[in-house]
Amino acid sequence: MNLPAPINMTEAAVEHVKALLESRGKPSMGIRIGVRTKGCSGLSYTLEFADEVNEFDEVMKVGNITILIEPKATMFIIGTQMDYVEDKLESGFVFKNPNEKGRCGCGESFHV
């Protein structure tokens, strides 16, 4: 049975992750996506370089990059789209999560 991917990435996000991995200066397996308790709404997304697969990571391939998802993050991000946006004042990854019930005013954290 094929289950849908927990997270989908836009082409802009994939290209930016590729650039980050190439500029890191050492080989990386991919990136790891997680959530942490943080901010005024409760949870915040985390991204980090991954050098190995942890025991319970969910492994996804998007193009030729590997995305690892921390096990405790999966239930919070199912159906999320990860994008990378640049405008005049800021640039960064943006998560469009259908599970979010609210976000703090600064956009740093969310709750489900």
N, C-alpha and C. Protein backbone atom coordinates (compact mmCIF):
# COMPACT_ATOMS: atom_id res chain seq x y z
N MET A 1 0.84 -1.17 0.00
CA MET A 1 0.00 0.00 0.00
C MET A 1 0.89 1.24 0.00
N ASN A 2 0.64 2.16 -0.92
CA ASN A 2 1.40 3.40 -1.00
C ASN A 2 0.69 4.49 -0.22
N LEU A 3 1.33 4.97 0.81
CA LEU A 3 0.80 6.07 1.60
C LEU A 3 1.32 7.38 1.04
N PRO A 4 0.56 8.47 1.18
CA PRO A 4 1.06 9.76 0.70
C PRO A 4 2.27 10.20 1.52
N ALA A 5 3.12 10.98 0.89
CA ALA A 5 4.30 11.51 1.59
C ALA A 5 3.84 12.44 2.70
N PRO A 6 4.51 12.40 3.86
CA PRO A 6 4.12 13.28 4.96
C PRO A 6 4.29 14.75 4.63
N ILE A 7 5.24 15.04 3.74
CA ILE A 7 5.50 16.44 3.38
C ILE A 7 5.80 16.50 1.89
N ASN A 8 5.31 17.55 1.26
CA ASN A 8 5.60 17.79 -0.16
C ASN A 8 6.45 19.04 -0.25
N MET A 9 7.34 19.05 -1.23
CA MET A 9 8.23 20.20 -1.39
C MET A 9 8.05 20.82 -2.77
N THR A 10 8.01 22.15 -2.80
CA THR A 10 7.97 22.84 -4.08
C THR A 10 9.34 22.75 -4.74
N GLU A 11 9.38 23.04 -6.02
CA GLU A 11 10.65 23.03 -6.74
C GLU A 11 11.63 24.03 -6.13
N ALA A 12 11.13 25.18 -5.69
CA ALA A 12 12.00 26.19 -5.07
C ALA A 12 12.64 25.64 -3.80
N ALA A 13 11.87 24.91 -2.99
CA ALA A 13 12.41 24.32 -1.76
C ALA A 13 13.46 23.26 -2.08
N VAL A 14 13.17 22.41 -3.05
CA VAL A 14 14.12 21.36 -3.45
C VAL A 14 15.42 21.99 -3.93
N GLU A 15 15.33 23.00 -4.78
CA GLU A 15 16.54 23.64 -5.31
C GLU A 15 17.35 24.32 -4.20
N HIS A 16 16.67 24.94 -3.24
CA HIS A 16 17.40 25.59 -2.15
C HIS A 16 18.06 24.56 -1.23
N VAL A 17 17.38 23.46 -0.96
CA VAL A 17 18.00 22.40 -0.16
C VAL A 17 19.23 21.85 -0.87
N LYS A 18 19.13 21.63 -2.18
CA LYS A 18 20.29 21.16 -2.95
C LYS A 18 21.46 22.13 -2.80
N ALA A 19 21.18 23.43 -2.93
CA ALA A 19 22.23 24.44 -2.80
C ALA A 19 22.85 24.42 -1.41
N LEU A 20 22.03 24.28 -0.39
CA LEU A 20 22.54 24.22 0.99
C LEU A 20 23.44 23.00 1.18
N LEU A 21 23.00 21.84 0.67
CA LEU A 21 23.78 20.62 0.81
C LEU A 21 25.11 20.73 0.07
N GLU A 22 25.09 21.33 -1.12
CA GLU A 22 26.32 21.50 -1.90
C GLU A 22 27.28 22.47 -1.25
N SER A 23 26.77 23.48 -0.55
CA SER A 23 27.63 24.50 0.04
C SER A 23 28.09 24.15 1.45
N ARG A 24 27.65 23.03 1.98
CA ARG A 24 27.97 22.68 3.36
C ARG A 24 29.47 22.46 3.58
N GLY A 25 30.15 21.95 2.59
CA GLY A 25 31.59 21.74 2.75
C GLY A 25 31.96 20.34 3.17
N LYS A 26 30.98 19.49 3.40
CA LYS A 26 31.25 18.08 3.67
C LYS A 26 30.03 17.28 3.22
N PRO A 27 30.23 16.02 2.91
CA PRO A 27 29.11 15.20 2.44
C PRO A 27 28.00 15.09 3.49
N SER A 28 26.78 15.12 3.02
CA SER A 28 25.62 14.98 3.89
C SER A 28 24.67 13.96 3.28
N MET A 29 23.99 13.23 4.15
CA MET A 29 22.99 12.29 3.66
C MET A 29 21.79 13.06 3.10
N GLY A 30 21.43 14.17 3.75
CA GLY A 30 20.28 14.96 3.35
C GLY A 30 19.95 15.96 4.44
N ILE A 31 18.65 16.27 4.58
CA ILE A 31 18.21 17.14 5.67
C ILE A 31 17.19 16.41 6.52
N ARG A 32 17.13 16.83 7.78
CA ARG A 32 16.16 16.25 8.72
C ARG A 32 15.17 17.34 9.11
N ILE A 33 13.88 17.01 9.03
CA ILE A 33 12.81 17.92 9.42
C ILE A 33 12.22 17.41 10.72
N GLY A 34 12.02 18.33 11.64
CA GLY A 34 11.43 17.97 12.92
C GLY A 34 10.58 19.10 13.45
N VAL A 35 10.05 18.91 14.63
CA VAL A 35 9.34 19.96 15.35
C VAL A 35 9.87 19.98 16.78
N ARG A 36 9.90 21.16 17.36
CA ARG A 36 10.34 21.35 18.74
C ARG A 36 9.33 22.22 19.46
N THR A 37 9.26 22.06 20.77
CA THR A 37 8.45 22.95 21.58
C THR A 37 9.17 24.28 21.65
N LYS A 38 8.47 25.34 21.20
CA LYS A 38 9.12 26.64 21.12
C LYS A 38 8.08 27.71 20.84
N GLY A 39 8.34 28.92 21.24
CA GLY A 39 7.51 30.06 20.88
C GLY A 39 6.23 30.13 21.68
N CYS A 40 5.43 31.11 21.33
CA CYS A 40 4.21 31.37 22.10
C CYS A 40 3.05 30.47 21.69
N SER A 41 3.12 29.79 20.54
CA SER A 41 2.02 28.91 20.14
C SER A 41 2.31 27.44 20.41
N GLY A 42 3.55 27.09 20.70
CA GLY A 42 3.82 25.71 21.12
C GLY A 42 4.84 24.94 20.33
N LEU A 43 4.78 24.94 18.99
CA LEU A 43 5.68 24.13 18.18
C LEU A 43 6.36 24.98 17.11
N SER A 44 7.56 24.56 16.74
CA SER A 44 8.29 25.24 15.69
C SER A 44 8.97 24.18 14.82
N TYR A 45 9.04 24.44 13.53
CA TYR A 45 9.71 23.52 12.61
C TYR A 45 11.22 23.62 12.79
N THR A 46 11.91 22.50 12.63
CA THR A 46 13.37 22.50 12.65
C THR A 46 13.89 21.85 11.38
N LEU A 47 15.01 22.34 10.91
CA LEU A 47 15.72 21.77 9.77
C LEU A 47 17.18 21.68 10.15
N GLU A 48 17.79 20.54 9.83
CA GLU A 48 19.21 20.39 10.10
C GLU A 48 19.83 19.46 9.08
N PHE A 49 21.13 19.58 8.88
CA PHE A 49 21.81 18.64 8.01
C PHE A 49 21.80 17.27 8.69
N ALA A 50 21.66 16.24 7.87
CA ALA A 50 21.65 14.88 8.40
C ALA A 50 22.84 14.12 7.83
N ASP A 51 23.64 13.56 8.72
CA ASP A 51 24.79 12.77 8.30
C ASP A 51 24.50 11.28 8.31
N GLU A 52 23.43 10.90 9.00
CA GLU A 52 23.05 9.48 9.05
C GLU A 52 21.55 9.39 9.34
N VAL A 53 21.00 8.21 9.09
CA VAL A 53 19.59 7.97 9.38
C VAL A 53 19.49 7.50 10.83
N ASN A 54 18.66 8.19 11.61
CA ASN A 54 18.40 7.74 12.97
C ASN A 54 17.41 6.57 12.92
N GLU A 55 17.36 5.80 13.98
CA GLU A 55 16.63 4.54 13.99
C GLU A 55 15.18 4.64 13.50
N PHE A 56 14.43 5.64 13.92
CA PHE A 56 13.01 5.71 13.57
C PHE A 56 12.67 6.81 12.57
N ASP A 57 13.69 7.42 11.95
CA ASP A 57 13.43 8.45 10.94
C ASP A 57 12.61 7.87 9.78
N GLU A 58 11.71 8.68 9.26
CA GLU A 58 11.03 8.33 8.01
C GLU A 58 11.88 8.90 6.89
N VAL A 59 12.18 8.09 5.89
CA VAL A 59 13.07 8.49 4.81
C VAL A 59 12.27 8.71 3.54
N MET A 60 12.44 9.88 2.94
CA MET A 60 11.80 10.22 1.68
C MET A 60 12.86 10.65 0.68
N LYS A 61 12.61 10.36 -0.58
CA LYS A 61 13.46 10.87 -1.66
C LYS A 61 12.64 11.88 -2.44
N VAL A 62 13.18 13.06 -2.62
CA VAL A 62 12.56 14.09 -3.43
C VAL A 62 13.61 14.49 -4.45
N GLY A 63 13.36 14.15 -5.70
CA GLY A 63 14.40 14.36 -6.71
C GLY A 63 15.59 13.51 -6.32
N ASN A 64 16.74 14.11 -6.21
CA ASN A 64 17.93 13.35 -5.80
C ASN A 64 18.39 13.75 -4.40
N ILE A 65 17.48 14.30 -3.59
CA ILE A 65 17.85 14.60 -2.21
C ILE A 65 17.07 13.70 -1.25
N THR A 66 17.65 13.47 -0.10
CA THR A 66 17.02 12.64 0.92
C THR A 66 16.49 13.54 2.02
N ILE A 67 15.23 13.33 2.36
CA ILE A 67 14.57 14.05 3.44
C ILE A 67 14.28 13.05 4.55
N LEU A 68 14.76 13.34 5.74
CA LEU A 68 14.50 12.50 6.90
C LEU A 68 13.52 13.24 7.80
N ILE A 69 12.53 12.54 8.29
CA ILE A 69 11.54 13.16 9.16
C ILE A 69 11.59 12.48 10.51
N GLU A 70 11.81 13.30 11.54
CA GLU A 70 11.85 12.76 12.90
C GLU A 70 10.51 12.11 13.21
N PRO A 71 10.53 10.98 13.92
CA PRO A 71 9.28 10.25 14.18
C PRO A 71 8.22 11.07 14.92
N LYS A 72 8.62 11.90 15.87
CA LYS A 72 7.60 12.66 16.61
C LYS A 72 7.04 13.82 15.80
N ALA A 73 7.68 14.16 14.67
CA ALA A 73 7.20 15.25 13.82
C ALA A 73 6.13 14.79 12.84
N THR A 74 6.16 13.51 12.47
CA THR A 74 5.28 13.02 11.40
C THR A 74 3.82 13.37 11.63
N MET A 75 3.31 13.14 12.82
CA MET A 75 1.89 13.37 13.05
C MET A 75 1.51 14.85 12.99
N PHE A 76 2.48 15.74 13.15
CA PHE A 76 2.20 17.17 13.09
C PHE A 76 2.30 17.74 11.68
N ILE A 77 3.00 17.05 10.78
CA ILE A 77 3.27 17.64 9.47
C ILE A 77 2.61 16.92 8.30
N ILE A 78 1.86 15.88 8.53
CA ILE A 78 1.23 15.16 7.42
C ILE A 78 0.43 16.13 6.56
N GLY A 79 0.70 16.10 5.27
CA GLY A 79 -0.01 16.97 4.33
C GLY A 79 0.60 18.34 4.15
N THR A 80 1.72 18.61 4.80
CA THR A 80 2.35 19.93 4.74
C THR A 80 3.10 20.12 3.42
N GLN A 81 3.08 21.35 2.93
CA GLN A 81 3.89 21.73 1.78
C GLN A 81 5.01 22.63 2.28
N MET A 82 6.24 22.28 1.89
CA MET A 82 7.40 23.09 2.24
C MET A 82 7.82 23.87 1.01
N ASP A 83 7.92 25.18 1.16
CA ASP A 83 8.28 26.06 0.05
C ASP A 83 9.48 26.90 0.48
N TYR A 84 10.14 27.49 -0.48
CA TYR A 84 11.21 28.45 -0.20
C TYR A 84 10.84 29.73 -0.91
N VAL A 85 10.78 30.83 -0.16
CA VAL A 85 10.38 32.10 -0.75
C VAL A 85 11.44 33.17 -0.49
N GLU A 86 11.56 34.07 -1.45
CA GLU A 86 12.46 35.22 -1.33
C GLU A 86 11.67 36.46 -1.71
N ASP A 87 11.76 37.48 -0.89
CA ASP A 87 11.20 38.77 -1.26
C ASP A 87 12.17 39.86 -0.85
N LYS A 88 11.77 41.10 -0.92
CA LYS A 88 12.68 42.22 -0.66
C LYS A 88 13.21 42.24 0.77
N LEU A 89 12.42 41.77 1.74
CA LEU A 89 12.80 41.90 3.14
C LEU A 89 13.29 40.62 3.79
N GLU A 90 12.93 39.47 3.24
CA GLU A 90 13.35 38.23 3.89
C GLU A 90 13.31 37.06 2.91
N SER A 91 13.95 35.99 3.30
CA SER A 91 13.90 34.75 2.53
C SER A 91 13.95 33.60 3.52
N GLY A 92 13.36 32.48 3.12
CA GLY A 92 13.39 31.32 3.98
C GLY A 92 12.36 30.28 3.60
N PHE A 93 12.40 29.18 4.33
CA PHE A 93 11.44 28.11 4.11
C PHE A 93 10.11 28.48 4.76
N VAL A 94 9.03 28.15 4.07
CA VAL A 94 7.68 28.41 4.54
C VAL A 94 6.93 27.08 4.54
N PHE A 95 6.26 26.78 5.63
CA PHE A 95 5.50 25.55 5.75
C PHE A 95 4.01 25.87 5.72
N LYS A 96 3.29 25.27 4.77
CA LYS A 96 1.84 25.41 4.68
C LYS A 96 1.24 24.11 5.18
N ASN A 97 0.81 24.14 6.44
CA ASN A 97 0.39 22.93 7.14
C ASN A 97 -1.12 22.94 7.36
N PRO A 98 -1.85 22.00 6.74
CA PRO A 98 -3.31 21.97 6.90
C PRO A 98 -3.75 21.56 8.31
N ASN A 99 -2.83 21.07 9.12
CA ASN A 99 -3.15 20.63 10.48
C ASN A 99 -3.08 21.77 11.50
N GLU A 100 -2.51 22.91 11.11
CA GLU A 100 -2.36 24.02 12.03
C GLU A 100 -3.73 24.58 12.42
N LYS A 101 -3.89 24.81 13.70
CA LYS A 101 -5.10 25.45 14.22
C LYS A 101 -4.85 26.92 14.51
N GLY A 102 -3.59 27.30 14.61
CA GLY A 102 -3.24 28.68 14.87
C GLY A 102 -1.75 28.89 14.84
N ARG A 103 -1.36 30.16 14.71
CA ARG A 103 0.04 30.57 14.66
C ARG A 103 0.22 31.78 15.55
N CYS A 104 1.41 31.93 16.09
CA CYS A 104 1.67 33.13 16.88
C CYS A 104 1.79 34.33 15.94
N GLY A 105 1.73 35.51 16.48
CA GLY A 105 1.76 36.73 15.69
C GLY A 105 3.03 36.91 14.88
N CYS A 106 4.16 36.46 15.40
CA CYS A 106 5.41 36.63 14.68
C CYS A 106 5.65 35.52 13.66
N GLY A 107 4.82 34.48 13.68
CA GLY A 107 4.95 33.39 12.72
C GLY A 107 6.00 32.37 13.07
N GLU A 108 6.60 32.47 14.26
CA GLU A 108 7.68 31.56 14.64
C GLU A 108 7.16 30.19 15.10
N SER A 109 5.95 30.13 15.62
CA SER A 109 5.46 28.85 16.13
C SER A 109 4.00 28.65 15.76
N PHE A 110 3.55 27.41 15.92
CA PHE A 110 2.19 27.04 15.56
C PHE A 110 1.66 26.02 16.56
N HIS A 111 0.34 25.77 16.49
CA HIS A 111 -0.23 24.68 17.28
C HIS A 111 -1.24 23.94 16.42
N VAL A 112 -1.42 22.65 16.77
CA VAL A 112 -2.36 21.80 16.04
C VAL A 112 -3.48 21.36 16.94
